Each structure stands twice: as structure tokens, then as C-alpha cells.
């Protein structure tokens, strides 16, 4: 089960972009990688096309491993746990505060 999801706010905890906070744009569950807004930029050389008639060098975000990010909840980075409520719903829980993040 994935602990990080699309549209979560995360903080990068290791690497070149350490300390940066951004929104998760895309999740690759099979590779355990995520693309975070404004983090881990790469330069891609593109040839002219219909979409980009000029071509040239574009910068875009590259995927980083899920182990290198932590969920940000209530202004602080925290691990994510799971809890089953009395009514049978499974929810994500912030380990640091114990607060419910969202239902699954």
C-alpha cells in the first residue's frame, strides 16, 4: 500500500533538493517513485514538433524515490500510518500527531 498519493504535500528529506516542499504531481506505484512540483529538475533536449515548434532545451521535473519524501501534515513532516476505525473505515494517520489525514 502506498503512503504517498497524488496532490499530497511532501518534503524532500535527502538529496540535492533536501528541505524543499512541493505537491505530488504524479505517482508511479510499480517503480515506487513520485514527481514533486519544483523538485529534481532535468534538462531535456527536444526537436521541433507540433506541440513545441521551436524545439530546444526544456526543464521538467524527474521522478524521485518515495523513500526520499515525507508527507507534510499540519506544517511538519511526518510518517504515515494506517488505522481502522470502529465503523470499519481504514484511514491514513499522521504518526507524529496521531491525527487522521484522510479516509481511504
N, C-alpha and C. Protein backbone atom coordinates (compact mmCIF):
# COMPACT_ATOMS: atom_id res chain seq x y z
N UNK A 1 0.84 -1.18 0.00
CA UNK A 1 0.00 0.00 0.00
C UNK A 1 0.89 1.25 0.00
N UNK A 2 0.51 2.21 -0.84
CA UNK A 2 1.30 3.43 -0.96
C UNK A 2 0.91 4.43 0.12
N UNK A 3 1.91 5.05 0.70
CA UNK A 3 1.66 6.02 1.76
C UNK A 3 1.57 7.44 1.20
N UNK A 4 2.14 7.67 0.04
CA UNK A 4 2.11 8.98 -0.60
C UNK A 4 1.18 8.90 -1.80
N UNK A 5 0.34 9.92 -1.97
CA UNK A 5 -0.63 9.95 -3.06
C UNK A 5 -0.55 11.24 -3.84
N UNK A 6 -1.19 11.25 -4.99
CA UNK A 6 -1.26 12.46 -5.82
C UNK A 6 -1.94 13.58 -5.03
N UNK A 7 -1.45 14.80 -5.20
CA UNK A 7 -1.94 16.01 -4.54
C UNK A 7 -1.54 16.13 -3.08
N UNK A 8 -0.80 15.18 -2.52
CA UNK A 8 -0.26 15.33 -1.16
C UNK A 8 0.85 16.38 -1.19
N UNK A 9 1.03 17.08 -0.08
CA UNK A 9 2.16 17.99 0.07
C UNK A 9 3.26 17.22 0.77
N UNK A 10 4.45 17.21 0.17
CA UNK A 10 5.56 16.45 0.73
C UNK A 10 6.80 17.30 0.87
N UNK A 11 7.71 16.84 1.73
CA UNK A 11 9.01 17.49 1.92
C UNK A 11 10.09 16.49 1.51
N UNK A 12 11.08 16.96 0.75
CA UNK A 12 12.20 16.12 0.35
C UNK A 12 13.16 16.05 1.53
N UNK A 13 13.53 14.83 1.94
CA UNK A 13 14.34 14.66 3.14
C UNK A 13 15.80 14.34 2.85
N UNK A 14 16.14 13.98 1.60
CA UNK A 14 17.53 13.70 1.25
C UNK A 14 17.81 14.20 -0.16
N UNK A 15 19.08 14.30 -0.48
CA UNK A 15 19.48 14.63 -1.84
C UNK A 15 19.67 16.11 -2.08
N UNK A 16 19.80 16.44 -3.35
CA UNK A 16 20.10 17.80 -3.78
C UNK A 16 18.99 18.80 -3.40
N UNK A 17 17.76 18.34 -3.41
CA UNK A 17 16.61 19.21 -3.12
C UNK A 17 16.14 19.10 -1.67
N UNK A 18 17.00 18.68 -0.77
CA UNK A 18 16.63 18.47 0.64
C UNK A 18 16.00 19.73 1.24
N UNK A 19 14.86 19.54 1.92
CA UNK A 19 14.19 20.64 2.59
C UNK A 19 13.11 21.31 1.75
N UNK A 20 13.07 21.03 0.46
CA UNK A 20 12.06 21.65 -0.40
C UNK A 20 10.71 20.99 -0.17
N UNK A 21 9.66 21.80 -0.27
CA UNK A 21 8.29 21.31 -0.10
C UNK A 21 7.54 21.53 -1.40
N UNK A 22 6.78 20.53 -1.82
CA UNK A 22 6.02 20.63 -3.06
C UNK A 22 4.86 19.66 -3.09
N UNK A 23 4.02 19.82 -4.10
CA UNK A 23 2.85 18.97 -4.27
C UNK A 23 3.20 17.80 -5.18
N UNK A 24 2.68 16.62 -4.88
CA UNK A 24 2.92 15.44 -5.70
C UNK A 24 2.06 15.56 -6.96
N UNK A 25 2.73 15.55 -8.11
CA UNK A 25 2.02 15.68 -9.38
C UNK A 25 1.62 14.32 -9.95
N UNK A 26 2.49 13.33 -9.76
CA UNK A 26 2.23 12.00 -10.33
C UNK A 26 2.91 10.95 -9.48
N UNK A 27 2.29 9.77 -9.39
CA UNK A 27 2.83 8.66 -8.60
C UNK A 27 3.00 7.45 -9.52
N UNK A 28 4.16 6.80 -9.43
CA UNK A 28 4.44 5.57 -10.17
C UNK A 28 4.56 4.43 -9.16
N UNK A 29 3.44 3.75 -8.84
CA UNK A 29 3.45 2.74 -7.77
C UNK A 29 4.36 1.55 -8.05
N UNK A 30 4.44 1.11 -9.31
CA UNK A 30 5.26 -0.06 -9.61
C UNK A 30 6.76 0.22 -9.44
N UNK A 31 7.17 1.47 -9.67
CA UNK A 31 8.58 1.83 -9.52
C UNK A 31 8.86 2.51 -8.18
N UNK A 32 7.83 2.75 -7.38
CA UNK A 32 7.92 3.42 -6.08
C UNK A 32 8.57 4.79 -6.21
N UNK A 33 8.11 5.56 -7.19
CA UNK A 33 8.65 6.89 -7.44
C UNK A 33 7.52 7.91 -7.55
N UNK A 34 7.84 9.17 -7.27
CA UNK A 34 6.87 10.25 -7.37
C UNK A 34 7.51 11.45 -8.08
N UNK A 35 6.66 12.25 -8.73
CA UNK A 35 7.12 13.51 -9.30
C UNK A 35 6.57 14.62 -8.42
N UNK A 36 7.48 15.44 -7.88
CA UNK A 36 7.11 16.52 -6.97
C UNK A 36 7.31 17.86 -7.68
N UNK A 37 6.33 18.74 -7.53
CA UNK A 37 6.36 20.05 -8.18
C UNK A 37 7.57 20.87 -7.69
N UNK A 38 8.39 21.33 -8.65
CA UNK A 38 9.52 22.20 -8.33
C UNK A 38 10.74 21.50 -7.76
N UNK A 39 10.81 20.17 -7.88
CA UNK A 39 11.91 19.40 -7.29
C UNK A 39 12.54 18.50 -8.36
N UNK A 40 13.87 18.35 -8.32
CA UNK A 40 14.60 17.41 -9.18
C UNK A 40 14.42 17.71 -10.66
N UNK A 41 14.81 18.91 -11.07
CA UNK A 41 14.69 19.30 -12.47
C UNK A 41 15.77 18.64 -13.33
N UNK A 42 15.37 18.24 -14.56
CA UNK A 42 16.30 17.74 -15.56
C UNK A 42 16.12 18.57 -16.82
N UNK A 43 17.16 18.59 -17.67
CA UNK A 43 17.06 19.29 -18.95
C UNK A 43 16.86 18.26 -20.04
N UNK A 44 15.86 18.49 -20.86
CA UNK A 44 15.52 17.56 -21.93
C UNK A 44 15.68 18.29 -23.26
N UNK A 45 16.52 17.74 -24.14
CA UNK A 45 16.72 18.31 -25.47
C UNK A 45 15.61 17.79 -26.38
N UNK A 46 14.81 18.70 -26.94
CA UNK A 46 13.67 18.27 -27.77
C UNK A 46 13.82 18.83 -29.18
N UNK A 47 13.39 18.03 -30.15
CA UNK A 47 13.39 18.52 -31.52
C UNK A 47 12.05 19.19 -31.80
N UNK A 48 11.98 20.03 -32.80
CA UNK A 48 10.73 20.73 -33.11
C UNK A 48 9.59 19.75 -33.40
N UNK A 49 8.40 20.08 -32.89
CA UNK A 49 7.22 19.25 -33.10
C UNK A 49 5.99 20.17 -33.20
N UNK A 50 4.82 19.58 -33.40
CA UNK A 50 3.58 20.36 -33.46
C UNK A 50 3.36 21.11 -32.15
N UNK A 51 3.60 20.41 -31.05
CA UNK A 51 3.37 21.00 -29.72
C UNK A 51 4.40 22.07 -29.39
N UNK A 52 5.65 21.82 -29.77
CA UNK A 52 6.75 22.74 -29.48
C UNK A 52 7.50 23.04 -30.79
N UNK A 53 7.00 23.99 -31.61
CA UNK A 53 7.60 24.21 -32.93
C UNK A 53 9.03 24.73 -32.88
N UNK A 54 9.43 25.37 -31.81
CA UNK A 54 10.78 25.92 -31.68
C UNK A 54 11.79 24.82 -31.35
N UNK A 55 11.38 23.83 -30.55
CA UNK A 55 12.33 22.81 -30.09
C UNK A 55 13.22 23.41 -29.01
N UNK A 56 14.39 22.82 -28.80
CA UNK A 56 15.35 23.36 -27.85
C UNK A 56 15.42 22.57 -26.56
N UNK A 57 15.91 23.24 -25.50
CA UNK A 57 16.11 22.59 -24.21
C UNK A 57 14.99 23.01 -23.27
N UNK A 58 14.28 22.03 -22.73
CA UNK A 58 13.23 22.33 -21.75
C UNK A 58 13.60 21.70 -20.41
N UNK A 59 13.18 22.34 -19.33
CA UNK A 59 13.41 21.79 -17.99
C UNK A 59 12.11 21.22 -17.47
N UNK A 60 12.19 20.04 -16.87
CA UNK A 60 11.00 19.44 -16.27
C UNK A 60 11.39 18.61 -15.06
N UNK A 61 10.38 18.29 -14.24
CA UNK A 61 10.65 17.52 -13.04
C UNK A 61 10.83 16.05 -13.38
N UNK A 62 11.79 15.42 -12.73
CA UNK A 62 12.04 13.99 -12.89
C UNK A 62 11.55 13.27 -11.63
N UNK A 63 11.21 11.98 -11.76
CA UNK A 63 10.75 11.23 -10.58
C UNK A 63 11.85 11.05 -9.54
N UNK A 64 11.45 11.03 -8.26
CA UNK A 64 12.37 10.69 -7.17
C UNK A 64 11.74 9.55 -6.37
N UNK A 65 12.57 8.82 -5.66
CA UNK A 65 12.07 7.66 -4.92
C UNK A 65 11.23 8.09 -3.73
N UNK A 66 10.18 7.30 -3.44
CA UNK A 66 9.26 7.62 -2.34
C UNK A 66 9.94 7.67 -0.99
N UNK A 67 11.02 6.92 -0.83
CA UNK A 67 11.71 6.90 0.46
C UNK A 67 12.41 8.23 0.74
N UNK A 68 12.53 9.08 -0.27
CA UNK A 68 13.22 10.36 -0.10
C UNK A 68 12.26 11.50 0.20
N UNK A 69 10.97 11.21 0.38
CA UNK A 69 10.00 12.25 0.71
C UNK A 69 9.18 11.84 1.93
N UNK A 70 8.71 12.86 2.67
CA UNK A 70 7.83 12.65 3.81
C UNK A 70 6.61 13.52 3.65
N UNK A 71 5.48 13.04 4.06
CA UNK A 71 4.24 13.80 4.00
C UNK A 71 4.29 14.98 4.96
N UNK A 72 3.78 16.13 4.53
CA UNK A 72 3.70 17.31 5.40
C UNK A 72 2.25 17.44 5.85
N UNK A 73 2.05 17.38 7.17
CA UNK A 73 0.70 17.50 7.75
C UNK A 73 0.78 18.47 8.92
N UNK A 74 -0.09 19.44 8.93
CA UNK A 74 -0.13 20.47 9.98
C UNK A 74 1.20 21.20 10.08
N UNK A 75 1.85 21.43 8.93
CA UNK A 75 3.06 22.22 8.90
C UNK A 75 4.35 21.50 9.23
N UNK A 76 4.29 20.20 9.50
CA UNK A 76 5.52 19.47 9.82
C UNK A 76 5.55 18.13 9.09
N UNK A 77 6.76 17.68 8.76
CA UNK A 77 6.93 16.41 8.06
C UNK A 77 6.66 15.27 9.04
N UNK A 78 5.94 14.26 8.55
CA UNK A 78 5.57 13.15 9.41
C UNK A 78 5.52 11.85 8.62
N UNK A 79 5.69 10.74 9.32
CA UNK A 79 5.48 9.44 8.70
C UNK A 79 3.98 9.19 8.61
N UNK A 80 3.59 8.24 7.77
CA UNK A 80 2.17 7.93 7.59
C UNK A 80 1.90 6.53 8.11
N UNK A 81 0.85 6.39 8.91
CA UNK A 81 0.42 5.10 9.39
C UNK A 81 -1.01 4.86 8.98
N UNK A 82 -1.53 3.69 9.32
CA UNK A 82 -2.91 3.36 9.00
C UNK A 82 -3.63 2.90 10.25
N UNK A 83 -4.91 3.19 10.31
CA UNK A 83 -5.73 2.79 11.44
C UNK A 83 -7.12 2.42 10.92
N UNK A 84 -7.71 1.40 11.51
CA UNK A 84 -9.07 1.04 11.16
C UNK A 84 -9.99 1.57 12.25
N UNK A 85 -10.97 2.36 11.85
CA UNK A 85 -11.91 2.94 12.80
C UNK A 85 -12.96 1.91 13.19
N UNK A 86 -13.77 2.24 14.20
CA UNK A 86 -14.79 1.31 14.70
C UNK A 86 -15.84 0.96 13.64
N UNK A 87 -16.12 1.93 12.76
CA UNK A 87 -17.12 1.65 11.72
C UNK A 87 -16.54 0.89 10.53
N UNK A 88 -15.27 0.47 10.61
CA UNK A 88 -14.66 -0.36 9.59
C UNK A 88 -13.90 0.40 8.52
N UNK A 89 -13.88 1.72 8.59
CA UNK A 89 -13.15 2.50 7.59
C UNK A 89 -11.66 2.51 7.92
N UNK A 90 -10.84 2.37 6.88
CA UNK A 90 -9.39 2.44 7.04
C UNK A 90 -8.96 3.87 6.70
N UNK A 91 -8.16 4.48 7.57
CA UNK A 91 -7.75 5.87 7.37
C UNK A 91 -6.23 6.00 7.47
N UNK A 92 -5.71 7.04 6.81
CA UNK A 92 -4.29 7.37 6.96
C UNK A 92 -4.15 8.25 8.18
N UNK A 93 -3.09 8.02 8.97
CA UNK A 93 -2.88 8.73 10.22
C UNK A 93 -1.47 9.31 10.24
N UNK A 94 -1.34 10.55 10.71
CA UNK A 94 -0.02 11.16 10.89
C UNK A 94 0.61 10.56 12.14
N UNK A 95 1.79 9.97 12.00
CA UNK A 95 2.44 9.30 13.13
C UNK A 95 2.87 10.30 14.21
N UNK A 96 3.23 11.50 13.80
CA UNK A 96 3.76 12.48 14.75
C UNK A 96 2.67 12.99 15.69
N UNK A 97 1.48 13.27 15.13
CA UNK A 97 0.41 13.86 15.92
C UNK A 97 -0.73 12.88 16.24
N UNK A 98 -0.85 11.82 15.45
CA UNK A 98 -1.94 10.88 15.65
C UNK A 98 -3.24 11.31 14.99
N UNK A 99 -3.23 12.46 14.29
CA UNK A 99 -4.43 12.96 13.64
C UNK A 99 -4.72 12.17 12.37
N UNK A 100 -6.01 12.07 12.04
CA UNK A 100 -6.44 11.41 10.81
C UNK A 100 -6.18 12.35 9.64
N UNK A 101 -5.52 11.85 8.61
CA UNK A 101 -5.23 12.65 7.42
C UNK A 101 -6.41 12.58 6.46
N UNK A 102 -6.79 11.37 6.06
CA UNK A 102 -7.96 11.19 5.19
C UNK A 102 -8.38 9.74 5.18
N UNK A 103 -9.61 9.50 4.73
CA UNK A 103 -10.13 8.15 4.63
C UNK A 103 -9.70 7.54 3.30
N UNK A 104 -9.60 6.22 3.28
CA UNK A 104 -9.21 5.53 2.04
C UNK A 104 -10.45 5.11 1.28
